[in-house]
Amino acid sequence: MKQGIHPDYHTIKVVMTDGTEFVTRSCYGVEGETLNLDIDPKVHPAWTGGTQQLMDRGGRVSRFNSKFGGLFGK
């Protein structure tokens, strides 16, 4: 390996939004630093599914289903 071209890879402590902690290796900060997360997989709708529901009132989904509804079989 070439010397001096790789980032400093060290251990840091990560604190999740609910207060749980874990230690991992990262290039973030310096050795022993703490990374406090504002958003993590336990609370973010992208990972939890959220409460958003598909609302289609004669829009794209309905047009797709009317055009290709029998194609896939039910």
C-alpha atoms as a PDB file:
ATOM      1  CA  MET A   1       0.000   0.000   0.000  1.00  0.00           C
ATOM      2  CA  LYS A   2       1.142   3.517  -0.712  1.00  0.00           C
ATOM      3  CA  GLN A   3       1.822   5.582   2.366  1.00  0.00           C
ATOM      4  CA  GLY A   4       0.003   8.858   3.033  1.00  0.00           C
ATOM      5  CA  ILE A   5      -2.926   8.415   0.612  1.00  0.00           C
ATOM      6  CA  HIS A   6      -5.384   6.661   2.930  1.00  0.00           C
ATOM      7  CA  PRO A   7      -7.644   8.469   5.454  1.00  0.00           C
ATOM      8  CA  ASP A   8      -7.153   7.989   9.188  1.00  0.00           C
ATOM      9  CA  TYR A   9      -9.450   5.082  10.107  1.00  0.00           C
ATOM     10  CA  HIS A  10     -10.156   4.891  13.852  1.00  0.00           C
ATOM     11  CA  THR A  11     -12.854   4.021  16.407  1.00  0.00           C
ATOM     12  CA  ILE A  12     -15.653   6.450  17.309  1.00  0.00           C
ATOM     13  CA  LYS A  13     -18.774   6.222  19.473  1.00  0.00           C
ATOM     14  CA  VAL A  14     -22.151   6.706  17.750  1.00  0.00           C
ATOM     15  CA  VAL A  15     -25.149   7.823  19.848  1.00  0.00           C
ATOM     16  CA  MET A  16     -28.566   7.103  18.313  1.00  0.00           C
ATOM     17  CA  THR A  17     -31.605   9.360  18.816  1.00  0.00           C
ATOM     18  CA  ASP A  18     -32.995   7.091  21.569  1.00  0.00           C
ATOM     19  CA  GLY A  19     -29.727   7.237  23.532  1.00  0.00           C
ATOM     20  CA  THR A  20     -28.338   3.827  22.600  1.00  0.00           C
ATOM     21  CA  GLU A  21     -24.650   3.798  21.777  1.00  0.00           C
ATOM     22  CA  PHE A  22     -22.270   1.649  19.790  1.00  0.00           C
ATOM     23  CA  VAL A  23     -18.611   1.799  18.827  1.00  0.00           C
ATOM     24  CA  THR A  24     -17.569   1.548  15.195  1.00  0.00           C
ATOM     25  CA  ARG A  25     -14.616   2.340  12.981  1.00  0.00           C
ATOM     26  CA  SER A  26     -14.838   5.466  10.819  1.00  0.00           C
ATOM     27  CA  CYS A  27     -12.950   8.329   9.191  1.00  0.00           C
ATOM     28  CA  TYR A  28     -15.167  10.819  11.074  1.00  0.00           C
ATOM     29  CA  GLY A  29     -13.392  13.181  13.479  1.00  0.00           C
ATOM     30  CA  VAL A  30     -10.575  11.905  15.626  1.00  0.00           C
ATOM     31  CA  GLU A  31     -10.008   8.775  17.701  1.00  0.00           C
ATOM     32  CA  GLY A  32     -12.617   8.442  20.488  1.00  0.00           C
ATOM     33  CA  GLU A  33     -14.902  11.240  19.231  1.00  0.00           C
ATOM     34  CA  THR A  34     -18.688  10.946  19.669  1.00  0.00           C
ATOM     35  CA  LEU A  35     -21.110  11.255  16.744  1.00  0.00           C
ATOM     36  CA  ASN A  36     -24.634  12.217  17.891  1.00  0.00           C
ATOM     37  CA  LEU A  37     -27.247  11.342  15.269  1.00  0.00           C
ATOM     38  CA  ASP A  38     -30.243  13.607  14.642  1.00  0.00           C
ATOM     39  CA  ILE A  39     -31.936  11.050  12.392  1.00  0.00           C
ATOM     40  CA  ASP A  40     -31.389   7.295  12.440  1.00  0.00           C
ATOM     41  CA  PRO A  41     -33.060   4.159  11.027  1.00  0.00           C
ATOM     42  CA  LYS A  42     -35.168   3.696  14.178  1.00  0.00           C
ATOM     43  CA  VAL A  43     -37.113   6.951  13.686  1.00  0.00           C
ATOM     44  CA  HIS A  44     -36.804   8.060  10.049  1.00  0.00           C
ATOM     45  CA  PRO A  45     -39.824   7.312   7.798  1.00  0.00           C
ATOM     46  CA  ALA A  46     -37.553   6.095   4.986  1.00  0.00           C
ATOM     47  CA  TRP A  47     -36.680   3.054   7.134  1.00  0.00           C
ATOM     48  CA  THR A  48     -39.788   2.705   9.294  1.00  0.00           C
ATOM     49  CA  GLY A  49     -42.342   3.040   6.516  1.00  0.00           C
ATOM     50  CA  GLY A  50     -43.893   6.114   8.096  1.00  0.00           C
ATOM     51  CA  THR A  51     -47.592   6.875   8.144  1.00  0.00           C
ATOM     52  CA  GLN A  52     -47.772   8.112   4.571  1.00  0.00           C
ATOM     53  CA  GLN A  53     -50.399   6.336   2.480  1.00  0.00           C
ATOM     54  CA  LEU A  54     -50.860   6.274  -1.250  1.00  0.00           C
ATOM     55  CA  MET A  55     -53.746   8.581  -2.152  1.00  0.00           C
ATOM     56  CA  ASP A  56     -54.697   8.231  -5.800  1.00  0.00           C
ATOM     57  CA  ARG A  57     -57.951   9.743  -6.982  1.00  0.00           C
ATOM     58  CA  GLY A  58     -58.019   8.921 -10.658  1.00  0.00           C
ATOM     59  CA  GLY A  59     -54.354   9.700 -11.120  1.00  0.00           C
ATOM     60  CA  ARG A  60     -51.349   7.802 -12.395  1.00  0.00           C
ATOM     61  CA  VAL A  61     -51.903   4.580 -10.438  1.00  0.00           C
ATOM     62  CA  SER A  62     -55.504   4.304 -11.579  1.00  0.00           C
ATOM     63  CA  ARG A  63     -54.548   4.964 -15.198  1.00  0.00           C
ATOM     64  CA  PHE A  64     -51.780   2.370 -14.999  1.00  0.00           C
ATOM     65  CA  ASN A  65     -54.131  -0.225 -13.484  1.00  0.00           C
ATOM     66  CA  SER A  66     -56.819   0.410 -16.095  1.00  0.00           C
ATOM     67  CA  LYS A  67     -54.290   0.119 -18.916  1.00  0.00           C
ATOM     68  CA  PHE A  68     -52.193  -2.800 -17.637  1.00  0.00           C
ATOM     69  CA  GLY A  69     -54.366  -4.321 -14.890  1.00  0.00           C
ATOM     70  CA  GLY A  70     -54.957  -7.655 -16.652  1.00  0.00           C
ATOM     71  CA  LEU A  71     -51.350  -8.052 -17.755  1.00  0.00           C
ATOM     72  CA  PHE A  72     -50.024  -9.480 -14.506  1.00  0.00           C
ATOM     73  CA  GLY A  73     -53.018 -11.630 -13.514  1.00  0.00           C
ATOM     74  CA  LYS A  74     -54.550 -11.578 -10.103  1.00  0.00           C
END
